[in-house]
């Protein structure tokens, strides 16, 4: 039986190890910490659950298939979650005025009717520049900006249009998105089922393990952050390591707050917050209006972070709670009493999808190594469903080359 080593037991490492084991490989999975799952995890409190990071997967055919083979009954969102808000003085379902909407459509429709090529990002173009060129200043600030910040954790002035919008213009067949899904007990439920399945398939899961890639034989999958991969590969693959060092990382913080009574003014999935208001928060998830039966009291999760806001992670719990209370009153107009909270600080958690990453990925693709395979959220797909797609692709590629 051919052996494959996987370093990193976050969602990327867990899922690629699963697919490799299912293809008949003997898999050793190495994790430097004391638990698997990476950023994913669910804290259970007296008032309900609090997700540490992502609260669900985008519902694709591959995601549905994964839940089915793991024996997880998927939980899908409530009807109330279909309503989304964007902040402009107050949360709004549509943040543009009538005149601004006409201007937005007047700019976008002629380009769209002329074919996709008119909307395709240009070389070295930021998302902000793309937006100003194609949808105008108001739609860029109040729609595109907050929407992309909610996914990539950074302002669009630095984000790469090619990396983020480029896949839309590719001819590759795309998996259809059909909402969201999670486990009955949160994302930890998914992590636990993945680990149980790996053990069933005799995957060797090695926790608290520091491994030198030079000591490993056969195919190697490095499923860590870009910076961790750079350190791991410094001796065995120095050229790849140097490229990975160029990838900038940004920090993320999630703050789940449990309140004595719900706010009912804005019932929906959440509210995204554009830059320009002097607010630190990127957005708020209204958890109790997203999934049913997981809370004993109303709660929200506030997201903060980005390359320009690294100092937020150094604030004390009380300073963070004071900041969010002030911004919550300004955004939602509410001051309910706080019952409990959970704060998760993730230093260097997300790759910064900037123009430098776009250039680095082009060079990494030319640095392909026979037995080395990179996996993670810095390779063009930041969401869990994108990572799952790459796990399937990598396992197939390894099986074809080494099976």
Protein backbone atom coordinates (compact mmCIF):
# COMPACT_ATOMS: atom_id res chain seq x y z
CA UNK A 1 0.00 0.00 0.00
CA UNK A 2 1.43 3.40 -1.01
CA UNK A 3 1.99 5.84 1.86
CA UNK A 4 1.04 9.53 1.79
CA UNK A 5 1.88 12.06 4.49
CA UNK A 6 -0.41 15.01 5.24
CA UNK A 7 0.81 17.84 7.47
CA UNK A 8 -1.94 19.94 9.02
CA UNK A 9 -5.27 18.68 10.38
CA UNK A 10 -7.50 21.65 9.72
CA UNK A 11 -10.46 21.20 7.37
CA UNK A 12 -8.11 20.98 4.37
CA UNK A 13 -5.93 18.28 5.92
CA UNK A 14 -8.85 16.27 7.28
CA UNK A 15 -10.72 16.16 3.99
CA UNK A 16 -7.73 15.41 1.76
CA UNK A 17 -6.66 12.66 4.19
CA UNK A 18 -10.17 11.22 3.95
CA UNK A 19 -10.16 11.18 0.16
CA UNK A 20 -6.67 9.66 0.00
CA UNK A 21 -7.58 6.91 2.47
CA UNK A 22 -10.70 6.14 0.45
CA UNK A 23 -8.46 5.69 -2.60
CA UNK A 24 -6.46 3.01 -0.81
CA UNK A 25 -3.46 5.01 0.43
CA UNK A 26 -1.90 4.53 3.84
CA UNK A 27 -2.18 8.03 5.31
CA UNK A 28 -0.19 9.62 8.13
CA UNK A 29 -1.81 12.87 9.29
CA UNK A 30 0.43 15.17 11.36
CA UNK A 31 -0.93 18.02 13.49
CA UNK A 32 1.25 20.32 15.60
CA UNK A 33 -1.52 21.19 18.10
CA UNK A 34 -3.49 19.02 20.52
CA UNK A 35 -6.69 18.95 18.42
CA UNK A 36 -7.85 18.65 14.84
CA UNK A 37 -10.09 21.13 13.03
CA UNK A 38 -7.89 24.23 12.86
CA UNK A 39 -10.05 27.33 13.13
CA UNK A 40 -13.23 25.25 13.09
CA UNK A 41 -14.82 24.50 16.43
CA UNK A 42 -17.92 25.03 18.53
CA UNK A 43 -18.06 26.16 22.16
CA UNK A 44 -21.06 24.98 24.19
CA UNK A 45 -22.32 27.55 26.71
CA UNK A 46 -25.25 27.70 29.13
CA UNK A 47 -27.03 29.92 26.61
CA UNK A 48 -26.36 28.03 23.36
CA UNK A 49 -23.46 27.30 21.05
CA UNK A 50 -20.80 29.71 19.81
CA UNK A 51 -18.86 28.98 16.64
CA UNK A 52 -15.17 29.82 16.78
CA UNK A 53 -14.96 30.72 13.08
CA UNK A 54 -17.11 29.60 10.11
CA UNK A 55 -20.69 28.67 11.02
CA UNK A 56 -21.53 26.60 7.91
CA UNK A 57 -20.47 25.34 4.49
CA UNK A 58 -21.90 26.59 1.23
CA UNK A 59 -24.29 23.86 0.15
CA UNK A 60 -22.75 22.30 -2.96
CA UNK A 61 -23.17 18.77 -4.29
CA UNK A 62 -19.78 17.85 -2.84
CA UNK A 63 -20.69 19.26 0.59
CA UNK A 64 -24.01 17.39 0.62
CA UNK A 65 -22.19 14.22 -0.41
CA UNK A 66 -19.64 14.64 2.39
CA UNK A 67 -22.37 15.01 5.03
CA UNK A 68 -24.13 11.93 3.68
CA UNK A 69 -21.06 9.69 3.75
CA UNK A 70 -20.19 10.90 7.27
CA UNK A 71 -23.72 10.20 8.50
CA UNK A 72 -24.46 13.80 9.50
CA UNK A 73 -28.03 15.05 9.26
CA UNK A 74 -27.52 18.49 7.71
CA UNK A 75 -29.08 21.55 9.29
CA UNK A 76 -30.17 24.20 6.81
CA UNK A 77 -31.00 27.86 7.49
CA UNK A 78 -34.34 29.30 8.56
CA UNK A 79 -36.47 31.37 6.23
CA UNK A 80 -35.52 34.47 8.23
CA UNK A 81 -31.90 34.00 7.13
CA UNK A 82 -32.80 34.86 3.55
CA UNK A 83 -32.98 38.51 4.52
CA UNK A 84 -29.58 40.24 4.45
CA UNK A 85 -28.73 43.78 5.50
CA UNK A 86 -26.12 46.32 4.40
CA UNK A 87 -25.37 49.26 6.64
CA UNK A 88 -25.86 52.81 5.40
CA UNK A 89 -26.75 55.00 8.36
CA UNK A 90 -29.10 52.11 9.28
CA UNK A 91 -29.24 48.45 8.16
CA UNK A 92 -31.01 48.23 4.80
CA UNK A 93 -31.95 45.41 2.46
CA UNK A 94 -30.87 47.66 -0.44
CA UNK A 95 -28.47 50.51 0.42
CA UNK A 96 -28.72 52.60 -2.78
CA UNK A 97 -31.17 55.41 -3.48
CA UNK A 98 -33.37 55.34 -6.59
CA UNK A 99 -31.04 57.66 -8.48
CA UNK A 100 -27.98 55.66 -7.40
CA UNK A 101 -29.66 52.42 -8.45
CA UNK A 102 -30.41 53.82 -11.90
CA UNK A 103 -26.79 54.91 -12.20
CA UNK A 104 -25.57 51.48 -11.08
CA UNK A 105 -27.77 49.63 -13.59
CA UNK A 106 -26.98 52.14 -16.32
CA UNK A 107 -23.30 51.42 -15.91
CA UNK A 108 -23.50 47.63 -15.39
CA UNK A 109 -26.13 46.48 -17.91
CA UNK A 110 -24.45 47.72 -21.12
CA UNK A 111 -21.23 45.99 -20.07
CA UNK A 112 -23.01 42.76 -19.14
CA UNK A 113 -25.04 42.71 -22.37
CA UNK A 114 -21.84 43.15 -24.34
CA UNK A 115 -20.49 39.86 -22.99
CA UNK A 116 -18.45 38.64 -20.03
CA UNK A 117 -15.24 39.94 -21.55
CA UNK A 118 -16.32 43.51 -20.78
CA UNK A 119 -16.53 42.69 -17.06
CA UNK A 120 -13.43 40.54 -16.86
CA UNK A 121 -10.81 41.93 -14.43
CA UNK A 122 -7.76 43.54 -15.95
CA UNK A 123 -4.18 42.67 -15.06
CA UNK A 124 -3.10 43.99 -11.65
CA UNK A 125 -6.52 45.45 -10.94
CA UNK A 126 -7.91 45.77 -7.42
CA UNK A 127 -11.53 45.02 -6.59
CA UNK A 128 -12.10 48.68 -5.85
CA UNK A 129 -10.78 49.76 -9.26
CA UNK A 130 -12.86 47.03 -10.94
CA UNK A 131 -15.96 48.19 -9.07
CA UNK A 132 -15.52 51.85 -9.91
CA UNK A 133 -15.06 50.92 -13.56
CA UNK A 134 -18.03 48.56 -13.84
CA UNK A 135 -20.66 49.38 -11.23
CA UNK A 136 -19.87 52.92 -10.09
CA UNK A 137 -18.82 54.49 -6.77
CA UNK A 138 -21.99 53.98 -4.71
CA UNK A 139 -22.46 50.30 -5.53
CA UNK A 140 -18.74 49.76 -4.97
CA UNK A 141 -18.76 51.36 -1.52
CA UNK A 142 -22.08 50.10 -0.19
CA UNK A 143 -22.49 46.68 -1.89
CA UNK A 144 -19.27 45.28 -3.33
CA UNK A 145 -17.03 46.54 -0.53
CA UNK A 146 -18.90 45.11 2.47
CA UNK A 147 -19.78 41.89 0.62
CA UNK A 148 -16.14 41.11 -0.17
CA UNK A 149 -14.95 42.20 3.29
CA UNK A 150 -17.40 39.69 4.75
CA UNK A 151 -15.63 36.89 2.87
CA UNK A 152 -12.00 37.98 2.64
CA UNK A 153 -11.72 40.03 5.84
CA UNK A 154 -10.08 43.07 4.22
CA UNK A 155 -10.93 46.29 2.42
CA UNK A 156 -11.41 46.00 -1.34
CA UNK A 157 -8.83 48.73 -2.00
CA UNK A 158 -6.15 46.05 -1.65
CA UNK A 159 -7.95 42.91 -2.83
CA UNK A 160 -7.16 41.37 -6.22
CA UNK A 161 -10.03 41.45 -8.71
CA UNK A 162 -8.35 38.72 -10.76
CA UNK A 163 -8.07 36.28 -7.87
CA UNK A 164 -11.57 36.87 -6.55
CA UNK A 165 -13.63 37.46 -9.69
CA UNK A 166 -11.44 35.64 -12.21
CA UNK A 167 -12.98 32.17 -11.60
CA UNK A 168 -16.38 33.54 -12.68
CA UNK A 169 -14.97 34.06 -16.17
CA UNK A 170 -13.28 30.65 -16.48
CA UNK A 171 -14.80 27.89 -18.60
CA UNK A 172 -14.36 25.33 -15.82
CA UNK A 173 -17.58 23.64 -14.77
CA UNK A 174 -18.72 25.10 -11.46
CA UNK A 175 -20.52 23.36 -8.62
CA UNK A 176 -23.92 24.94 -8.02
CA UNK A 177 -24.46 26.70 -4.71
CA UNK A 178 -27.72 25.97 -2.89
CA UNK A 179 -27.58 27.85 0.39
CA UNK A 180 -25.78 26.68 3.53
CA UNK A 181 -25.51 23.59 5.69
CA UNK A 182 -23.98 22.66 9.03
CA UNK A 183 -24.17 19.91 11.63
CA UNK A 184 -26.89 19.64 14.30
CA UNK A 185 -24.36 20.57 16.97
CA UNK A 186 -22.37 23.09 14.97
CA UNK A 187 -19.14 22.85 13.04
CA UNK A 188 -17.46 20.78 15.75
CA UNK A 189 -19.98 18.11 14.80
CA UNK A 190 -18.45 18.02 11.30
CA UNK A 191 -14.90 17.92 12.70
CA UNK A 192 -15.77 15.06 15.06
CA UNK A 193 -17.39 13.01 12.30
CA UNK A 194 -14.41 13.57 10.00
CA UNK A 195 -12.01 12.39 12.70
CA UNK A 196 -14.14 9.32 13.45
CA UNK A 197 -14.22 8.43 9.73
CA UNK A 198 -10.45 8.79 9.44
CA UNK A 199 -9.92 6.43 12.36
CA UNK A 200 -12.35 3.98 10.78
CA UNK A 201 -10.18 4.07 7.64
CA UNK A 202 -7.02 3.51 9.74
CA UNK A 203 -5.54 6.93 9.10
CA UNK A 204 -2.69 7.52 11.56
CA UNK A 205 -3.58 10.81 13.26
CA UNK A 206 -0.54 12.17 15.09
CA UNK A 207 -1.32 15.13 17.37
CA UNK A 208 1.26 17.40 19.05
CA UNK A 209 3.60 16.38 16.27
CA UNK A 210 6.44 18.41 14.79
CA UNK A 211 7.68 16.65 11.67
CA UNK A 212 10.54 17.39 9.29
CA UNK A 213 9.42 16.90 5.66
CA UNK A 214 12.95 15.69 4.81
CA UNK A 215 12.34 12.59 6.94
CA UNK A 216 9.20 11.62 5.02
CA UNK A 217 9.15 9.48 1.90
CA UNK A 218 6.54 9.41 -0.84
CA UNK A 219 3.94 12.06 -1.67
CA UNK A 220 3.55 14.90 0.84
CA UNK A 221 0.55 17.20 1.24
CA UNK A 222 1.21 20.36 3.25
CA UNK A 223 -2.22 21.55 4.38
CA UNK A 224 -1.25 24.40 6.68
CA UNK A 225 -1.28 28.18 6.47
CA UNK A 226 1.10 29.70 3.93
CA UNK A 227 3.46 30.93 6.66
CA UNK A 228 3.53 27.57 8.45
CA UNK A 229 4.19 25.87 5.10
CA UNK A 230 7.06 28.27 4.41
CA UNK A 231 8.71 27.33 7.71
CA UNK A 232 8.14 23.61 7.19
CA UNK A 233 9.61 23.59 3.68
CA UNK A 234 12.59 25.87 4.34
CA UNK A 235 15.15 23.02 4.19
CA UNK A 236 13.46 20.51 1.88
CA UNK A 237 11.97 22.92 -0.72
CA UNK A 238 13.74 26.29 -0.29
CA UNK A 239 12.45 27.89 -3.51
CA UNK A 240 8.83 27.07 -2.65
CA UNK A 241 9.42 28.25 0.90
CA UNK A 242 10.68 31.63 -0.31
CA UNK A 243 7.58 32.12 -2.45
CA UNK A 244 5.27 31.19 0.43
CA UNK A 245 6.98 33.74 2.67
CA UNK A 246 5.74 36.48 0.34
CA UNK A 247 2.10 35.73 1.13
CA UNK A 248 0.75 38.32 3.56
CA UNK A 249 -1.58 37.14 6.28
CA UNK A 250 -4.30 39.02 8.13
CA UNK A 251 -5.86 38.43 11.52
CA UNK A 252 -9.46 37.73 12.41
CA UNK A 253 -11.58 37.98 15.54
CA UNK A 254 -15.04 36.55 16.15
CA UNK A 255 -17.05 37.69 19.16
CA UNK A 256 -20.27 35.86 20.02
CA UNK A 257 -22.57 37.74 22.41
CA UNK A 258 -25.56 36.26 24.29
CA UNK A 259 -28.28 38.76 25.26
CA UNK A 260 -31.08 38.81 27.82
CA UNK A 261 -33.62 39.57 25.10
CA UNK A 262 -33.56 39.55 21.29
CA UNK A 263 -33.38 42.52 19.00
CA UNK A 264 -36.33 42.21 16.63
CA UNK A 265 -35.79 45.34 14.53
CA UNK A 266 -33.59 43.49 12.02
CA UNK A 267 -34.37 39.80 11.63
CA UNK A 268 -32.09 38.19 9.08
CA UNK A 269 -28.78 36.51 8.36
CA UNK A 270 -26.78 39.53 9.40
CA UNK A 271 -25.53 42.96 8.45
CA UNK A 272 -22.37 43.88 6.53
CA UNK A 273 -20.65 47.16 7.29
CA UNK A 274 -18.86 49.28 4.66
CA UNK A 275 -15.76 51.32 5.37
CA UNK A 276 -16.07 55.08 5.69
CA UNK A 277 -18.11 55.26 8.89
CA UNK A 278 -15.22 55.01 11.34
CA UNK A 279 -16.48 51.59 12.47
CA UNK A 280 -14.13 48.70 13.22
CA UNK A 281 -16.62 45.85 12.75
CA UNK A 282 -16.77 44.14 9.37
CA UNK A 283 -20.17 42.62 10.01
CA UNK A 284 -22.52 40.87 12.40
CA UNK A 285 -24.19 37.46 12.10
CA UNK A 286 -27.62 37.22 13.74
CA UNK A 287 -27.20 33.58 14.73
CA UNK A 288 -30.65 33.04 16.24
CA UNK A 289 -32.26 34.03 12.93
CA UNK A 290 -30.01 31.68 10.90
CA UNK A 291 -30.36 28.19 12.41
CA UNK A 292 -33.19 26.75 14.51
CA UNK A 293 -33.04 25.11 17.91
CA UNK A 294 -29.39 25.75 18.76
CA UNK A 295 -29.78 28.61 21.24
CA UNK A 296 -31.40 29.12 24.61
CA UNK A 297 -31.25 32.87 24.20
CA UNK A 298 -30.69 35.36 21.38
CA UNK A 299 -27.08 35.75 20.22
CA UNK A 300 -24.98 37.45 17.55
CA UNK A 301 -21.42 37.01 16.26
CA UNK A 302 -19.42 40.15 15.43
CA UNK A 303 -16.47 39.89 13.03
CA UNK A 304 -13.43 42.17 13.17
CA UNK A 305 -9.96 42.05 11.66
CA UNK A 306 -7.91 42.75 8.54
CA UNK A 307 -4.34 43.77 7.76
CA UNK A 308 -5.04 47.35 8.84
CA UNK A 309 -6.60 46.32 12.15
CA UNK A 310 -4.06 43.91 13.66
CA UNK A 311 -4.00 45.95 16.89
CA UNK A 312 -7.60 44.93 17.67
CA UNK A 313 -6.38 41.49 18.69
CA UNK A 314 -4.28 43.06 21.45
CA UNK A 315 -7.30 44.64 23.15
CA UNK A 316 -8.53 43.11 26.40
CA UNK A 317 -11.90 41.37 26.56
CA UNK A 318 -13.47 44.35 28.31
CA UNK A 319 -12.11 46.77 25.70
CA UNK A 320 -13.48 44.61 22.87
CA UNK A 321 -16.89 44.31 24.53
CA UNK A 322 -17.04 48.09 25.06
CA UNK A 323 -16.10 48.72 21.40
CA UNK A 324 -18.75 46.33 20.10
CA UNK A 325 -21.42 47.67 22.47
CA UNK A 326 -20.84 51.18 21.09
CA UNK A 327 -20.86 50.03 17.46
CA UNK A 328 -23.89 47.77 18.04
CA UNK A 329 -25.88 50.71 19.39
CA UNK A 330 -24.88 52.82 16.41
CA UNK A 331 -25.63 50.10 13.84
CA UNK A 332 -28.62 48.26 15.30
CA UNK A 333 -29.84 50.87 17.79
CA UNK A 334 -29.95 48.40 20.69
CA UNK A 335 -28.43 48.12 24.18
CA UNK A 336 -29.63 44.78 25.55
CA UNK A 337 -27.97 43.35 28.67
CA UNK A 338 -25.15 40.91 28.00
CA UNK A 339 -25.42 37.45 29.58
CA UNK A 340 -22.27 35.79 28.27
CA UNK A 341 -19.71 36.00 25.47
CA UNK A 342 -16.98 34.09 23.64
CA UNK A 343 -14.04 35.84 21.97
CA UNK A 344 -11.80 34.04 19.46
CA UNK A 345 -8.62 35.79 18.33
CA UNK A 346 -6.96 34.30 15.24
CA UNK A 347 -3.52 35.75 14.56
CA UNK A 348 -2.51 35.49 10.88
CA UNK A 349 -5.62 33.42 10.17
CA UNK A 350 -6.47 34.47 6.63
CA UNK A 351 -4.34 35.01 3.53
CA UNK A 352 -4.53 38.55 2.21
CA UNK A 353 -5.98 38.15 -1.29
CA UNK A 354 -4.00 41.06 -2.70
CA UNK A 355 -2.13 41.59 -5.96
CA UNK A 356 1.03 40.16 -4.41
CA UNK A 357 -0.74 36.88 -3.70
CA UNK A 358 -1.95 36.78 -7.30
CA UNK A 359 1.61 37.08 -8.56
CA UNK A 360 2.95 34.61 -5.99
CA UNK A 361 0.41 31.96 -6.99
CA UNK A 362 1.45 32.27 -10.63
CA UNK A 363 5.04 31.58 -9.60
CA UNK A 364 4.04 28.74 -7.28
CA UNK A 365 2.25 27.01 -10.15
CA UNK A 366 5.52 27.09 -12.09
CA UNK A 367 7.38 25.65 -9.09
CA UNK A 368 5.46 22.36 -9.18
CA UNK A 369 7.33 19.59 -7.37
CA UNK A 370 6.96 15.88 -8.12
CA UNK A 371 6.04 14.74 -4.59
CA UNK A 372 4.91 17.98 -2.93
CA UNK A 373 1.29 19.16 -2.94
CA UNK A 374 0.14 22.39 -1.30
CA UNK A 375 -3.33 22.75 0.15
CA UNK A 376 -5.03 25.58 2.00
CA UNK A 377 -7.14 28.71 1.85
CA UNK A 378 -4.38 30.77 0.17
CA UNK A 379 -4.58 28.85 -3.12
CA UNK A 380 -7.58 30.57 -4.69
CA UNK A 381 -10.49 29.23 -2.64
CA UNK A 382 -11.06 30.73 0.80
CA UNK A 383 -14.36 29.03 1.72
CA UNK A 384 -14.77 25.53 3.13
CA UNK A 385 -16.63 24.27 0.06
CA UNK A 386 -13.76 25.49 -2.15
CA UNK A 387 -11.28 23.69 0.10
CA UNK A 388 -13.35 20.52 -0.17
CA UNK A 389 -13.23 20.80 -3.98
CA UNK A 390 -9.45 21.10 -3.86
CA UNK A 391 -9.22 18.08 -1.52
CA UNK A 392 -11.06 15.98 -4.11
CA UNK A 393 -8.87 17.32 -6.92
CA UNK A 394 -5.60 16.74 -5.06
CA UNK A 395 -6.53 13.20 -4.04
CA UNK A 396 -7.38 12.39 -7.65
CA UNK A 397 -4.11 13.91 -8.86
CA UNK A 398 -2.05 11.99 -6.30
CA UNK A 399 -3.84 8.75 -7.13
CA UNK A 400 -3.13 9.22 -10.84
CA UNK A 401 0.55 9.98 -10.24
CA UNK A 402 1.35 7.64 -7.37
CA UNK A 403 -1.45 5.08 -7.15
